[in-house]
Amino acid sequence: MDQEYPENRQFYTSSELREDGFSYYKINRMVEDGRLERLTRSTYRNTSYKGDESDFSIATVYAPKGVICMLSAARYYNLTTFLPDSVDIAIERSMKVSTVPEWPSLNIWYFPKVRYETGAVSEGDFRIYEVEKTVADILYYRNKIGIEETREILKNYLARKERNLVRLHRFADLLGCGKILSTYMEVLL
């Protein structure tokens, strides 16, 4: 990219480029020259970026209000040995994802408003659900996730030194799986 523009960022929106003085003509020229790659109508990837690339960061480009969830979040928190073949990302039911990338593959979860808004935290350039919220979500959707994976995730969470069972129970009660959590706890403990 041009000298006046930092190359240390992986993604730019067209509004950010416009604010920094780039015209639509100049943006299109940078795409034609291969300095930018157009990902969505308003998002571009810096082709000269040399830093680390994260599937989570790329996924949130396509779903800007998305939150990393389910098995992807469990893997992030080292709660499972299962390696998901796609990035699980939650959006509110009323939201849409206009473009789905070829890579990484996205598994979109449409959450009701309360479930979507509860427990999301920022981790750098993406948002992810807290570890207790992740465990509660997996318990709630255990039939879609798989019973063995659910058991492994809960067992690994309970083995953590920094576990917070009160917080886990609060999330489970709020999200409608408190009784399920109690049943699993009786069996595992």
Protein backbone atom coordinates (compact mmCIF):
# COMPACT_ATOMS: atom_id res chain seq x y z
CA MET A 1 0.00 0.00 0.00
CA ASP A 2 1.09 3.62 -0.07
CA GLN A 3 3.74 4.94 2.32
CA GLU A 4 1.21 7.08 4.18
CA TYR A 5 -0.89 4.04 5.01
CA PRO A 6 0.19 1.48 7.64
CA GLU A 7 0.63 -2.07 6.42
CA ASN A 8 0.45 -3.62 9.88
CA ARG A 9 -3.30 -4.28 9.67
CA GLN A 10 -4.85 -7.23 7.93
CA PHE A 11 -8.31 -5.80 7.19
CA TYR A 12 -9.71 -2.39 6.26
CA THR A 13 -13.23 -1.19 5.67
CA SER A 14 -14.00 1.16 2.80
CA SER A 15 -15.07 3.82 5.32
CA GLU A 16 -11.67 3.61 7.06
CA LEU A 17 -9.90 3.98 3.73
CA ARG A 18 -12.13 6.93 2.79
CA GLU A 19 -11.48 8.62 6.16
CA ASP A 20 -7.75 8.33 5.49
CA GLY A 21 -8.13 10.18 2.20
CA PHE A 22 -8.38 7.35 -0.31
CA SER A 23 -10.94 7.91 -3.06
CA TYR A 24 -13.05 5.08 -4.44
CA TYR A 25 -10.95 5.33 -7.59
CA LYS A 26 -7.72 4.86 -5.59
CA ILE A 27 -9.24 1.95 -3.64
CA ASN A 28 -10.26 0.25 -6.90
CA ARG A 29 -6.75 0.83 -8.31
CA MET A 30 -5.22 -0.81 -5.23
CA VAL A 31 -7.53 -3.80 -5.78
CA GLU A 32 -6.52 -3.98 -9.47
CA ASP A 33 -2.83 -3.71 -8.51
CA GLY A 34 -3.24 -6.57 -6.02
CA ARG A 35 -2.41 -4.49 -2.95
CA LEU A 36 -5.93 -5.00 -1.60
CA GLU A 37 -8.28 -7.94 -1.99
CA ARG A 38 -12.00 -7.25 -1.83
CA LEU A 39 -13.67 -9.65 0.61
CA THR A 40 -17.13 -8.13 0.99
CA ARG A 41 -18.83 -5.01 -0.32
CA SER A 42 -17.13 -2.90 2.33
CA THR A 43 -14.14 -4.92 3.57
CA TYR A 44 -10.69 -5.38 2.06
CA ARG A 45 -7.74 -7.58 2.98
CA ASN A 46 -4.25 -6.09 2.93
CA THR A 47 -2.27 -8.50 0.71
CA SER A 48 1.09 -7.27 2.06
CA TYR A 49 0.18 -8.03 5.68
CA LYS A 50 2.92 -10.13 7.30
CA GLY A 51 1.46 -10.78 10.77
CA ASP A 52 -0.37 -13.77 12.16
CA GLU A 53 -3.61 -14.77 10.47
CA SER A 54 -6.46 -16.05 12.60
CA ASP A 55 -9.51 -17.93 11.36
CA PHE A 56 -11.51 -16.10 14.02
CA SER A 57 -10.43 -12.69 12.74
CA ILE A 58 -11.30 -13.63 9.17
CA ALA A 59 -14.68 -15.04 10.24
CA THR A 60 -15.61 -11.80 11.98
CA VAL A 61 -14.90 -9.87 8.78
CA TYR A 62 -17.79 -11.73 7.15
CA ALA A 63 -19.96 -11.53 10.28
CA PRO A 64 -18.89 -8.23 11.90
CA LYS A 65 -21.29 -8.58 14.83
CA GLY A 66 -20.62 -12.30 15.17
CA VAL A 67 -19.30 -13.92 18.33
CA ILE A 68 -17.11 -17.04 18.32
CA CYS A 69 -19.07 -19.81 20.03
CA MET A 70 -19.64 -23.53 20.59
CA LEU A 71 -16.83 -25.93 19.62
CA SER A 72 -14.60 -23.14 18.26
CA ALA A 73 -14.77 -21.35 21.62
CA ALA A 74 -14.29 -24.64 23.49
CA ARG A 75 -11.17 -25.30 21.41
CA TYR A 76 -9.92 -21.76 22.08
CA TYR A 77 -10.27 -22.38 25.84
CA ASN A 78 -8.61 -25.83 25.54
CA LEU A 79 -11.74 -27.64 26.70
CA THR A 80 -11.76 -30.18 23.88
CA THR A 81 -9.39 -32.23 21.77
CA PHE A 82 -11.89 -32.08 18.90
CA LEU A 83 -10.63 -29.91 16.03
CA PRO A 84 -13.63 -28.24 14.35
CA ASP A 85 -13.54 -28.12 10.55
CA SER A 86 -15.37 -24.79 10.56
CA VAL A 87 -15.56 -21.68 12.73
CA ASP A 88 -18.69 -21.60 14.89
CA ILE A 89 -19.99 -18.05 14.99
CA ALA A 90 -23.16 -16.76 16.65
CA ILE A 91 -25.32 -13.93 15.39
CA GLU A 92 -28.68 -12.69 16.55
CA ARG A 93 -31.65 -14.27 14.78
CA SER A 94 -32.59 -11.01 13.07
CA MET A 95 -29.08 -10.53 11.59
CA LYS A 96 -27.83 -11.70 8.21
CA VAL A 97 -24.46 -12.70 6.80
CA SER A 98 -24.32 -11.37 3.24
CA THR A 99 -21.21 -13.19 2.02
CA VAL A 100 -19.85 -16.51 3.24
CA PRO A 101 -16.14 -17.15 2.57
CA GLU A 102 -14.69 -20.26 0.97
CA TRP A 103 -12.15 -20.33 3.78
CA PRO A 104 -12.56 -20.54 6.70
CA SER A 105 -15.81 -22.46 6.57
CA LEU A 106 -18.41 -20.81 8.81
CA ASN A 107 -21.02 -22.61 10.88
CA ILE A 108 -23.52 -19.88 11.74
CA TRP A 109 -25.63 -20.20 14.89
CA TYR A 110 -28.71 -17.96 15.04
CA PHE A 111 -29.22 -17.13 18.73
CA PRO A 112 -32.18 -15.41 20.38
CA LYS A 113 -31.33 -11.92 21.64
CA VAL A 114 -30.68 -12.85 25.30
CA ARG A 115 -28.44 -15.80 24.41
CA TYR A 116 -26.58 -13.72 21.80
CA GLU A 117 -25.93 -10.72 24.08
CA THR A 118 -24.98 -12.66 27.22
CA GLY A 119 -21.33 -13.30 28.04
CA ALA A 120 -19.53 -11.91 24.97
CA VAL A 121 -16.01 -10.55 25.55
CA SER A 122 -13.41 -9.02 23.22
CA GLU A 123 -10.20 -10.93 22.55
CA GLY A 124 -8.12 -8.68 20.34
CA ASP A 125 -9.86 -8.30 16.98
CA PHE A 126 -12.68 -10.80 17.56
CA ARG A 127 -15.41 -11.40 20.11
CA ILE A 128 -15.86 -14.72 21.89
CA TYR A 129 -18.15 -16.00 24.62
CA GLU A 130 -16.76 -16.42 28.13
CA VAL A 131 -15.72 -19.94 29.06
CA GLU A 132 -18.70 -20.53 31.40
CA LYS A 133 -21.14 -19.24 28.77
CA THR A 134 -19.52 -21.55 26.22
CA VAL A 135 -19.99 -24.57 28.49
CA ALA A 136 -23.64 -23.60 29.16
CA ASP A 137 -24.32 -23.19 25.41
CA ILE A 138 -22.78 -26.57 24.66
CA LEU A 139 -24.93 -28.19 27.35
CA TYR A 140 -28.03 -26.54 25.92
CA TYR A 141 -27.24 -27.67 22.36
CA ARG A 142 -25.78 -31.04 23.44
CA ASN A 143 -27.89 -32.99 20.93
CA LYS A 144 -26.50 -30.95 18.02
CA ILE A 145 -22.94 -30.91 19.38
CA GLY A 146 -22.81 -34.55 20.46
CA ILE A 147 -23.06 -36.16 23.87
CA GLU A 148 -19.42 -37.32 23.95
CA GLU A 149 -18.08 -33.87 23.06
CA THR A 150 -20.38 -32.27 25.64
CA ARG A 151 -19.18 -34.68 28.33
CA GLU A 152 -15.51 -34.06 27.44
CA ILE A 153 -15.94 -30.28 27.51
CA LEU A 154 -17.73 -30.28 30.87
CA LYS A 155 -15.21 -32.74 32.34
CA ASN A 156 -12.27 -30.59 31.17
CA TYR A 157 -13.94 -27.44 32.53
CA LEU A 158 -14.42 -29.07 35.93
CA ALA A 159 -10.73 -30.10 35.96
CA ARG A 160 -9.58 -26.48 35.50
CA LYS A 161 -8.07 -24.70 38.50
CA GLU A 162 -9.74 -21.41 37.55
CA ARG A 163 -13.24 -22.86 37.19
CA ASN A 164 -16.14 -20.87 38.62
CA LEU A 165 -19.07 -23.17 39.32
CA VAL A 166 -21.30 -20.39 40.67
CA ARG A 167 -20.84 -18.46 37.43
CA LEU A 168 -21.42 -21.61 35.36
CA HIS A 169 -24.69 -22.29 37.22
CA ARG A 170 -25.81 -18.67 36.71
CA PHE A 171 -25.26 -18.93 32.96
CA ALA A 172 -26.95 -22.34 32.83
CA ASP A 173 -30.00 -21.07 34.74
CA LEU A 174 -30.23 -17.93 32.60
CA LEU A 175 -29.96 -19.93 29.38
CA GLY A 176 -32.43 -22.65 30.34
CA CYS A 177 -30.14 -25.60 31.01
CA GLY A 178 -29.68 -25.47 34.80
CA LYS A 179 -31.31 -28.88 35.38
CA ILE A 180 -29.23 -30.45 32.62
CA LEU A 181 -26.05 -29.06 34.22
CA SER A 182 -27.08 -30.44 37.63
CA THR A 183 -27.68 -33.88 36.11
CA TYR A 184 -24.27 -33.89 34.39
CA MET A 185 -22.57 -32.66 37.58
CA GLU A 186 -24.11 -35.51 39.62
CA VAL A 187 -22.79 -38.05 37.13
CA LEU A 188 -19.31 -36.52 36.73
CA LEU A 189 -18.59 -35.60 40.36
